[in-house]
Amino acid sequence: MESKEQREDFIEMSRAINALMHRSQTIAENWKRIVFYCQKEGTKSNEITANWYLTNTLEMQNDFRILAGKYLTLANQYGMEIDAINYARNRSD
């Protein structure tokens, strides 16, 4: 039972990180608007700063995507190993 709970924990972590990825997407869209506004207004220093935040937000979004995928892969691998152990255990009974 504990091993199934561990697998579910990995899946839940993946979901939580996916939520952060989607939140980062929203934040990045806001930074894109700010960059556009700064370009329109000709405020170069603000544009540079907004671009920096935009770039870092997009990088974090990608990092979250990768990390969520790794947790999901881990959950799937863990599930396969649980199934193999249970199969072997049932065969020996």
PDB file of N, CA and C in Angstrom:
ATOM      1  N   MET A   1       0.823  -1.198   0.000  1.00  0.00           N
ATOM      2  CA  MET A   1       0.000   0.000   0.000  1.00  0.00           C
ATOM      3  C   MET A   1       0.863   1.256   0.000  1.00  0.00           C
ATOM      4  N   GLU A   2       1.918   1.239   0.790  1.00  0.00           N
ATOM      5  CA  GLU A   2       2.791   2.406   0.881  1.00  0.00           C
ATOM      6  C   GLU A   2       3.392   2.757  -0.478  1.00  0.00           C
ATOM      7  N   SER A   3       3.755   1.752  -1.261  1.00  0.00           N
ATOM      8  CA  SER A   3       4.361   2.015  -2.564  1.00  0.00           C
ATOM      9  C   SER A   3       3.369   2.672  -3.522  1.00  0.00           C
ATOM     10  N   LYS A   4       2.083   2.313  -3.438  1.00  0.00           N
ATOM     11  CA  LYS A   4       1.078   2.969  -4.272  1.00  0.00           C
ATOM     12  C   LYS A   4       0.922   4.429  -3.848  1.00  0.00           C
ATOM     13  N   GLU A   5       1.006   4.676  -2.557  1.00  0.00           N
ATOM     14  CA  GLU A   5       0.927   6.048  -2.060  1.00  0.00           C
ATOM     15  C   GLU A   5       2.120   6.867  -2.560  1.00  0.00           C
ATOM     16  N   GLN A   6       3.290   6.243  -2.595  1.00  0.00           N
ATOM     17  CA  GLN A   6       4.495   6.932  -3.091  1.00  0.00           C
ATOM     18  C   GLN A   6       4.312   7.317  -4.555  1.00  0.00           C
ATOM     19  N   ARG A   7       3.770   6.402  -5.346  1.00  0.00           N
ATOM     20  CA  ARG A   7       3.516   6.687  -6.760  1.00  0.00           C
ATOM     21  C   ARG A   7       2.547   7.858  -6.889  1.00  0.00           C
ATOM     22  N   GLU A   8       1.495   7.856  -6.090  1.00  0.00           N
ATOM     23  CA  GLU A   8       0.524   8.950  -6.119  1.00  0.00           C
ATOM     24  C   GLU A   8       1.159  10.269  -5.690  1.00  0.00           C
ATOM     25  N   ASP A   9       2.094  10.206  -4.754  1.00  0.00           N
ATOM     26  CA  ASP A   9       2.817  11.424  -4.342  1.00  0.00           C
ATOM     27  C   ASP A   9       3.605  12.004  -5.511  1.00  0.00           C
ATOM     28  N   PHE A  10       4.250  11.131  -6.304  1.00  0.00           N
ATOM     29  CA  PHE A  10       4.993  11.593  -7.474  1.00  0.00           C
ATOM     30  C   PHE A  10       4.047  12.250  -8.480  1.00  0.00           C
ATOM     31  N   ILE A  11       2.891  11.649  -8.677  1.00  0.00           N
ATOM     32  CA  ILE A  11       1.906  12.207  -9.610  1.00  0.00           C
ATOM     33  C   ILE A  11       1.411  13.563  -9.100  1.00  0.00           C
ATOM     34  N   GLU A  12       1.156  13.648  -7.808  1.00  0.00           N
ATOM     35  CA  GLU A  12       0.694  14.917  -7.229  1.00  0.00           C
ATOM     36  C   GLU A  12       1.763  16.005  -7.363  1.00  0.00           C
ATOM     37  N   MET A  13       3.017  15.638  -7.179  1.00  0.00           N
ATOM     38  CA  MET A  13       4.099  16.618  -7.363  1.00  0.00           C
ATOM     39  C   MET A  13       4.129  17.114  -8.805  1.00  0.00           C
ATOM     40  N   SER A  14       3.953  16.204  -9.748  1.00  0.00           N
ATOM     41  CA  SER A  14       3.928  16.587 -11.154  1.00  0.00           C
ATOM     42  C   SER A  14       2.788  17.574 -11.419  1.00  0.00           C
ATOM     43  N   ARG A  15       1.627  17.301 -10.851  1.00  0.00           N
ATOM     44  CA  ARG A  15       0.478  18.208 -11.032  1.00  0.00           C
ATOM     45  C   ARG A  15       0.737  19.580 -10.420  1.00  0.00           C
ATOM     46  N   ALA A  16       1.329  19.584  -9.237  1.00  0.00           N
ATOM     47  CA  ALA A  16       1.613  20.860  -8.569  1.00  0.00           C
ATOM     48  C   ALA A  16       2.613  21.683  -9.384  1.00  0.00           C
ATOM     49  N   ILE A  17       3.616  21.022  -9.918  1.00  0.00           N
ATOM     50  CA  ILE A  17       4.623  21.729 -10.718  1.00  0.00           C
ATOM     51  C   ILE A  17       4.009  22.193 -12.035  1.00  0.00           C
ATOM     52  N   ASN A  18       3.109  21.402 -12.606  1.00  0.00           N
ATOM     53  CA  ASN A  18       2.390  21.840 -13.814  1.00  0.00           C
ATOM     54  C   ASN A  18       1.597  23.104 -13.545  1.00  0.00           C
ATOM     55  N   ALA A  19       0.999  23.200 -12.360  1.00  0.00           N
ATOM     56  CA  ALA A  19       0.257  24.413 -12.002  1.00  0.00           C
ATOM     57  C   ALA A  19       1.200  25.612 -11.966  1.00  0.00           C
ATOM     58  N   LEU A  20       2.404  25.416 -11.437  1.00  0.00           N
ATOM     59  CA  LEU A  20       3.396  26.496 -11.428  1.00  0.00           C
ATOM     60  C   LEU A  20       3.800  26.871 -12.854  1.00  0.00           C
ATOM     61  N   MET A  21       3.904  25.879 -13.722  1.00  0.00           N
ATOM     62  CA  MET A  21       4.256  26.144 -15.114  1.00  0.00           C
ATOM     63  C   MET A  21       3.178  27.013 -15.764  1.00  0.00           C
ATOM     64  N   HIS A  22       1.915  26.672 -15.525  1.00  0.00           N
ATOM     65  CA  HIS A  22       0.828  27.461 -16.117  1.00  0.00           C
ATOM     66  C   HIS A  22       0.772  28.869 -15.521  1.00  0.00           C
ATOM     67  N   ARG A  23       1.055  28.988 -14.242  1.00  0.00           N
ATOM     68  CA  ARG A  23       1.100  30.313 -13.603  1.00  0.00           C
ATOM     69  C   ARG A  23       2.237  31.135 -14.210  1.00  0.00           C
ATOM     70  N   SER A  24       3.367  30.494 -14.469  1.00  0.00           N
ATOM     71  CA  SER A  24       4.499  31.185 -15.098  1.00  0.00           C
ATOM     72  C   SER A  24       4.131  31.674 -16.489  1.00  0.00           C
ATOM     73  N   GLN A  25       3.321  30.901 -17.190  1.00  0.00           N
ATOM     74  CA  GLN A  25       2.873  31.311 -18.523  1.00  0.00           C
ATOM     75  C   GLN A  25       2.060  32.602 -18.446  1.00  0.00           C
ATOM     76  N   THR A  26       1.180  32.680 -17.464  1.00  0.00           N
ATOM     77  CA  THR A  26       0.375  33.890 -17.273  1.00  0.00           C
ATOM     78  C   THR A  26       1.270  35.084 -16.945  1.00  0.00           C
ATOM     79  N   ILE A  27       2.232  34.863 -16.068  1.00  0.00           N
ATOM     80  CA  ILE A  27       3.165  35.935 -15.697  1.00  0.00           C
ATOM     81  C   ILE A  27       3.973  36.382 -16.910  1.00  0.00           C
ATOM     82  N   ALA A  28       4.425  35.426 -17.723  1.00  0.00           N
ATOM     83  CA  ALA A  28       5.196  35.769 -18.927  1.00  0.00           C
ATOM     84  C   ALA A  28       4.360  36.608 -19.887  1.00  0.00           C
ATOM     85  N   GLU A  29       3.092  36.255 -20.035  1.00  0.00           N
ATOM     86  CA  GLU A  29       2.218  37.044 -20.909  1.00  0.00           C
ATOM     87  C   GLU A  29       2.089  38.481 -20.413  1.00  0.00           C
ATOM     88  N   ASN A  30       2.031  38.646 -19.096  1.00  0.00           N
ATOM     89  CA  ASN A  30       1.988  40.003 -18.538  1.00  0.00           C
ATOM     90  C   ASN A  30       3.279  40.752 -18.832  1.00  0.00           C
ATOM     91  N   TRP A  31       4.428  40.083 -18.694  1.00  0.00           N
ATOM     92  CA  TRP A  31       5.703  40.737 -18.991  1.00  0.00           C
ATOM     93  C   TRP A  31       5.795  41.104 -20.471  1.00  0.00           C
ATOM     94  N   LYS A  32       5.242  40.261 -21.342  1.00  0.00           N
ATOM     95  CA  LYS A  32       5.242  40.588 -22.779  1.00  0.00           C
ATOM     96  C   LYS A  32       4.473  41.883 -23.025  1.00  0.00           C
ATOM     97  N   ARG A  33       3.347  42.048 -22.341  1.00  0.00           N
ATOM     98  CA  ARG A  33       2.559  43.276 -22.481  1.00  0.00           C
ATOM     99  C   ARG A  33       3.361  44.496 -22.004  1.00  0.00           C
ATOM    100  N   ILE A  34       4.067  44.309 -20.909  1.00  0.00           N
ATOM    101  CA  ILE A  34       4.867  45.413 -20.366  1.00  0.00           C
ATOM    102  C   ILE A  34       5.990  45.772 -21.327  1.00  0.00           C
ATOM    103  N   VAL A  35       6.649  44.759 -21.898  1.00  0.00           N
ATOM    104  CA  VAL A  35       7.712  45.014 -22.883  1.00  0.00           C
ATOM    105  C   VAL A  35       7.137  45.805 -24.055  1.00  0.00           C
ATOM    106  N   PHE A  36       5.992  45.370 -24.553  1.00  0.00           N
ATOM    107  CA  PHE A  36       5.362  46.057 -25.681  1.00  0.00           C
ATOM    108  C   PHE A  36       5.040  47.512 -25.327  1.00  0.00           C
ATOM    109  N   TYR A  37       4.490  47.710 -24.133  1.00  0.00           N
ATOM    110  CA  TYR A  37       4.159  49.065 -23.693  1.00  0.00           C
ATOM    111  C   TYR A  37       5.424  49.929 -23.613  1.00  0.00           C
ATOM    112  N   CYS A  38       6.495  49.360 -23.070  1.00  0.00           N
ATOM    113  CA  CYS A  38       7.755  50.112 -22.953  1.00  0.00           C
ATOM    114  C   CYS A  38       8.312  50.463 -24.322  1.00  0.00           C
ATOM    115  N   GLN A  39       8.198  49.533 -25.276  1.00  0.00           N
ATOM    116  CA  GLN A  39       8.654  49.812 -26.639  1.00  0.00           C
ATOM    117  C   GLN A  39       7.838  50.946 -27.245  1.00  0.00           C
ATOM    118  N   LYS A  40       6.538  50.868 -27.026  1.00  0.00           N
ATOM    119  CA  LYS A  40       5.629  51.883 -27.563  1.00  0.00           C
ATOM    120  C   LYS A  40       5.928  53.257 -26.974  1.00  0.00           C
ATOM    121  N   GLU A  41       6.244  53.302 -25.681  1.00  0.00           N
ATOM    122  CA  GLU A  41       6.505  54.562 -24.991  1.00  0.00           C
ATOM    123  C   GLU A  41       7.949  55.023 -25.116  1.00  0.00           C
ATOM    124  N   GLY A  42       8.813  54.136 -25.624  1.00  0.00           N
ATOM    125  CA  GLY A  42      10.220  54.509 -25.811  1.00  0.00           C
ATOM    126  C   GLY A  42      11.035  54.547 -24.530  1.00  0.00           C
ATOM    127  N   THR A  43      10.614  53.797 -23.530  1.00  0.00           N
ATOM    128  CA  THR A  43      11.355  53.747 -22.263  1.00  0.00           C
ATOM    129  C   THR A  43      12.283  52.529 -22.291  1.00  0.00           C
ATOM    130  N   LYS A  44      13.469  52.747 -22.862  1.00  0.00           N
ATOM    131  CA  LYS A  44      14.408  51.659 -23.131  1.00  0.00           C
ATOM    132  C   LYS A  44      14.862  50.949 -21.858  1.00  0.00           C
ATOM    133  N   SER A  45      15.173  51.687 -20.812  1.00  0.00           N
ATOM    134  CA  SER A  45      15.665  51.029 -19.598  1.00  0.00           C
ATOM    135  C   SER A  45      14.586  50.141 -18.980  1.00  0.00           C
ATOM    136  N   ASN A  46      13.338  50.615 -18.992  1.00  0.00           N
ATOM    137  CA  ASN A  46      12.236  49.783 -18.491  1.00  0.00           C
ATOM    138  C   ASN A  46      12.011  48.572 -19.390  1.00  0.00           C
ATOM    139  N   GLU A  47      12.179  48.770 -20.684  1.00  0.00           N
ATOM    140  CA  GLU A  47      12.036  47.664 -21.634  1.00  0.00           C
ATOM    141  C   GLU A  47      13.086  46.586 -21.366  1.00  0.00           C
ATOM    142  N   ILE A  48      14.308  47.007 -21.121  1.00  0.00           N
ATOM    143  CA  ILE A  48      15.393  46.057 -20.836  1.00  0.00           C
ATOM    144  C   ILE A  48      15.077  45.264 -19.568  1.00  0.00           C
ATOM    145  N   THR A  49      14.625  45.959 -18.549  1.00  0.00           N
ATOM    146  CA  THR A  49      14.276  45.290 -17.289  1.00  0.00           C
ATOM    147  C   THR A  49      13.117  44.311 -17.492  1.00  0.00           C
ATOM    148  N   ALA A  50      12.081  44.749 -18.196  1.00  0.00           N
ATOM    149  CA  ALA A  50      10.924  43.887 -18.449  1.00  0.00           C
ATOM    150  C   ALA A  50      11.321  42.670 -19.276  1.00  0.00           C
ATOM    151  N   ASN A  51      12.200  42.869 -20.251  1.00  0.00           N
ATOM    152  CA  ASN A  51      12.694  41.748 -21.055  1.00  0.00           C
ATOM    153  C   ASN A  51      13.465  40.749 -20.197  1.00  0.00           C
ATOM    154  N   TRP A  52      14.231  41.263 -19.234  1.00  0.00           N
ATOM    155  CA  TRP A  52      14.977  40.387 -18.326  1.00  0.00           C
ATOM    156  C   TRP A  52      14.012  39.514 -17.530  1.00  0.00           C
ATOM    157  N   TYR A  53      12.971  40.134 -16.983  1.00  0.00           N
ATOM    158  CA  TYR A  53      11.966  39.368 -16.232  1.00  0.00           C
ATOM    159  C   TYR A  53      11.236  38.377 -17.140  1.00  0.00           C
ATOM    160  N   LEU A  54      10.912  38.806 -18.337  1.00  0.00           N
ATOM    161  CA  LEU A  54      10.248  37.928 -19.294  1.00  0.00           C
ATOM    162  C   LEU A  54      11.113  36.713 -19.600  1.00  0.00           C
ATOM    163  N   THR A  55      12.369  36.944 -19.899  1.00  0.00           N
ATOM    164  CA  THR A  55      13.292  35.847 -20.224  1.00  0.00           C
ATOM    165  C   THR A  55      13.407  34.867 -19.067  1.00  0.00           C
ATOM    166  N   ASN A  56      13.575  35.381 -17.868  1.00  0.00           N
ATOM    167  CA  ASN A  56      13.709  34.506 -16.705  1.00  0.00           C
ATOM    168  C   ASN A  56      12.419  33.746 -16.408  1.00  0.00           C
ATOM    169  N   THR A  57      11.291  34.387 -16.603  1.00  0.00           N
ATOM    170  CA  THR A  57      10.003  33.712 -16.395  1.00  0.00           C
ATOM    171  C   THR A  57       9.821  32.586 -17.406  1.00  0.00           C
ATOM    172  N   LEU A  58      10.198  32.829 -18.653  1.00  0.00           N
ATOM    173  CA  LEU A  58      10.092  31.786 -19.679  1.00  0.00           C
ATOM    174  C   LEU A  58      11.037  30.623 -19.382  1.00  0.00           C
ATOM    175  N   GLU A  59      12.228  30.932 -18.878  1.00  0.00           N
ATOM    176  CA  GLU A  59      13.165  29.875 -18.499  1.00  0.00           C
ATOM    177  C   GLU A  59      12.618  29.046 -17.338  1.00  0.00           C
ATOM    178  N   MET A  60      12.028  29.720 -16.363  1.00  0.00           N
ATOM    179  CA  MET A  60      11.432  28.998 -15.238  1.00  0.00           C
ATOM    180  C   MET A  60      10.265  28.139 -15.715  1.00  0.00           C
ATOM    181  N   GLN A  61       9.476  28.662 -16.622  1.00  0.00           N
ATOM    182  CA  GLN A  61       8.355  27.897 -17.169  1.00  0.00           C
ATOM    183  C   GLN A  61       8.870  26.611 -17.811  1.00  0.00           C
ATOM    184  N   ASN A  62       9.928  26.704 -18.566  1.00  0.00           N
ATOM    185  CA  ASN A  62      10.518  25.531 -19.200  1.00  0.00           C
ATOM    186  C   ASN A  62      11.083  24.570 -18.150  1.00  0.00           C
ATOM    187  N   ASP A  63      11.744  25.118 -17.141  1.00  0.00           N
ATOM    188  CA  ASP A  63      12.271  24.276 -16.061  1.00  0.00           C
ATOM    189  C   ASP A  63      11.147  23.533 -15.346  1.00  0.00           C
ATOM    190  N   PHE A  64      10.037  24.217 -15.092  1.00  0.00           N
ATOM    191  CA  PHE A  64       8.885  23.569 -14.459  1.00  0.00           C
ATOM    192  C   PHE A  64       8.341  22.449 -15.345  1.00  0.00           C
ATOM    193  N   ARG A  65       8.289  22.703 -16.664  1.00  0.00           N
ATOM    194  CA  ARG A  65       7.792  21.689 -17.604  1.00  0.00           C
ATOM    195  C   ARG A  65       8.658  20.437 -17.546  1.00  0.00           C
ATOM    196  N   ILE A  66       9.965  20.639 -17.550  1.00  0.00           N
ATOM    197  CA  ILE A  66      10.898  19.511 -17.498  1.00  0.00           C
ATOM    198  C   ILE A  66      10.773  18.767 -16.172  1.00  0.00           C
ATOM    199  N   LEU A  67      10.722  19.503 -15.079  1.00  0.00           N
ATOM    200  CA  LEU A  67      10.640  18.879 -13.761  1.00  0.00           C
ATOM    201  C   LEU A  67       9.332  18.105 -13.587  1.00  0.00           C
ATOM    202  N   ALA A  68       8.224  18.670 -14.048  1.00  0.00           N
ATOM    203  CA  ALA A  68       6.937  17.971 -13.964  1.00  0.00           C
ATOM    204  C   ALA A  68       6.996  16.670 -14.759  1.00  0.00           C
ATOM    205  N   GLY A  69       7.621  16.716 -15.918  1.00  0.00           N
ATOM    206  CA  GLY A  69       7.768  15.511 -16.741  1.00  0.00           C
ATOM    207  C   GLY A  69       8.617  14.458 -16.056  1.00  0.00           C
ATOM    208  N   LYS A  70       9.650  14.902 -15.367  1.00  0.00           N
ATOM    209  CA  LYS A  70      10.511  13.954 -14.653  1.00  0.00           C
ATOM    210  C   LYS A  70       9.756  13.277 -13.518  1.00  0.00           C
ATOM    211  N   TYR A  71       8.941  14.041 -12.794  1.00  0.00           N
ATOM    212  CA  TYR A  71       8.148  13.433 -11.719  1.00  0.00           C
ATOM    213  C   TYR A  71       7.146  12.429 -12.287  1.00  0.00           C
ATOM    214  N   LEU A  72       6.536  12.764 -13.423  1.00  0.00           N
ATOM    215  CA  LEU A  72       5.583  11.852 -14.033  1.00  0.00           C
ATOM    216  C   LEU A  72       6.284  10.587 -14.532  1.00  0.00           C
ATOM    217  N   THR A  73       7.451  10.745 -15.121  1.00  0.00           N
ATOM    218  CA  THR A  73       8.242   9.596 -15.553  1.00  0.00           C
ATOM    219  C   THR A  73       8.611   8.730 -14.362  1.00  0.00           C
ATOM    220  N   LEU A  74       9.022   9.365 -13.281  1.00  0.00           N
ATOM    221  CA  LEU A  74       9.364   8.641 -12.062  1.00  0.00           C
ATOM    222  C   LEU A  74       8.157   7.870 -11.528  1.00  0.00           C
ATOM    223  N   ALA A  75       6.995   8.491 -11.536  1.00  0.00           N
ATOM    224  CA  ALA A  75       5.775   7.822 -11.074  1.00  0.00           C
ATOM    225  C   ALA A  75       5.464   6.607 -11.944  1.00  0.00           C
ATOM    226  N   ASN A  76       5.592   6.777 -13.257  1.00  0.00           N
ATOM    227  CA  ASN A  76       5.315   5.667 -14.170  1.00  0.00           C
ATOM    228  C   ASN A  76       6.312   4.527 -13.987  1.00  0.00           C
ATOM    229  N   GLN A  77       7.577   4.862 -13.864  1.00  0.00           N
ATOM    230  CA  GLN A  77       8.610   3.842 -13.643  1.00  0.00           C
ATOM    231  C   GLN A  77       8.372   3.128 -12.322  1.00  0.00           C
ATOM    232  N   TYR A  78       8.072   3.895 -11.314  1.00  0.00           N
ATOM    233  CA  TYR A  78       7.800   3.341  -9.986  1.00  0.00           C
ATOM    234  C   TYR A  78       6.594   2.401 -10.056  1.00  0.00           C
ATOM    235  N   GLY A  79       5.559   2.804 -10.791  1.00  0.00           N
ATOM    236  CA  GLY A  79       4.380   1.966 -10.955  1.00  0.00           C
ATOM    237  C   GLY A  79       4.701   0.650 -11.642  1.00  0.00           C
ATOM    238  N   MET A  80       5.539   0.702 -12.684  1.00  0.00           N
ATOM    239  CA  MET A  80       5.929  -0.526 -13.374  1.00  0.00           C
ATOM    240  C   MET A  80       6.715  -1.456 -12.450  1.00  0.00           C
ATOM    241  N   GLU A  81       7.579  -0.887 -11.633  1.00  0.00           N
ATOM    242  CA  GLU A  81       8.347  -1.699 -10.700  1.00  0.00           C
ATOM    243  C   GLU A  81       7.448  -2.313  -9.630  1.00  0.00           C
ATOM    244  N   ILE A  82       6.470  -1.562  -9.165  1.00  0.00           N
ATOM    245  CA  ILE A  82       5.509  -2.100  -8.195  1.00  0.00           C
ATOM    246  C   ILE A  82       4.755  -3.283  -8.813  1.00  0.00           C
ATOM    247  N   ASP A  83       4.311  -3.093 -10.060  1.00  0.00           N
ATOM    248  CA  ASP A  83       3.589  -4.169 -10.745  1.00  0.00           C
ATOM    249  C   ASP A  83       4.465  -5.412 -10.896  1.00  0.00           C
ATOM    250  N   ALA A  84       5.731  -5.219 -11.260  1.00  0.00           N
ATOM    251  CA  ALA A  84       6.642  -6.350 -11.426  1.00  0.00           C
ATOM    252  C   ALA A  84       6.869  -7.069 -10.103  1.00  0.00           C
ATOM    253  N   ILE A  85       7.043  -6.326  -9.042  1.00  0.00           N
ATOM    254  CA  ILE A  85       7.240  -6.927  -7.716  1.00  0.00           C
ATOM    255  C   ILE A  85       5.991  -7.687  -7.293  1.00  0.00           C
ATOM    256  N   ASN A  86       4.825  -7.077  -7.481  1.00  0.00           N
ATOM    257  CA  ASN A  86       3.572  -7.746  -7.112  1.00  0.00           C
ATOM    258  C   ASN A  86       3.358  -9.005  -7.940  1.00  0.00           C
ATOM    259  N   TYR A  87       3.702  -8.945  -9.225  1.00  0.00           N
ATOM    260  CA  TYR A  87       3.576 -10.115 -10.104  1.00  0.00           C
ATOM    261  C   TYR A  87       4.475 -11.238  -9.598  1.00  0.00           C
ATOM    262  N   ALA A  88       5.725 -10.889  -9.305  1.00  0.00           N
ATOM    263  CA  ALA A  88       6.664 -11.909  -8.807  1.00  0.00           C
ATOM    264  C   ALA A  88       6.213 -12.451  -7.462  1.00  0.00           C
ATOM    265  N   ARG A  89       5.700 -11.615  -6.625  1.00  0.00           N
ATOM    266  CA  ARG A  89       5.223 -12.046  -5.316  1.00  0.00           C
ATOM    267  C   ARG A  89       4.030 -12.993  -5.447  1.00  0.00           C
ATOM    268  N   ASN A  90       3.110 -12.649  -6.353  1.00  0.00           N
ATOM    269  CA  ASN A  90       1.931 -13.493  -6.575  1.00  0.00           C
ATOM    270  C   ASN A  90       2.294 -14.838  -7.207  1.00  0.00           C
ATOM    271  N   ARG A  91       3.307 -14.841  -8.059  1.00  0.00           N
ATOM    272  CA  ARG A  91       3.751 -16.086  -8.704  1.00  0.00           C
ATOM    273  C   ARG A  91       4.394 -17.026  -7.717  1.00  0.00           C
ATOM    274  N   SER A  92       5.047 -16.450  -6.707  1.00  0.00           N
ATOM    275  CA  SER A  92       5.735 -17.303  -5.723  1.00  0.00           C
ATOM    276  C   SER A  92       4.801 -17.820  -4.626  1.00  0.00           C
ATOM    277  N   ASP A  93       3.603 -17.236  -4.534  1.00  0.00           N
ATOM    278  CA  ASP A  93       2.637 -17.691  -3.503  1.00  0.00           C
ATOM    279  C   ASP A  93       1.949 -18.961  -3.868  1.00  0.00           C
TER     280      ASP A  93
END
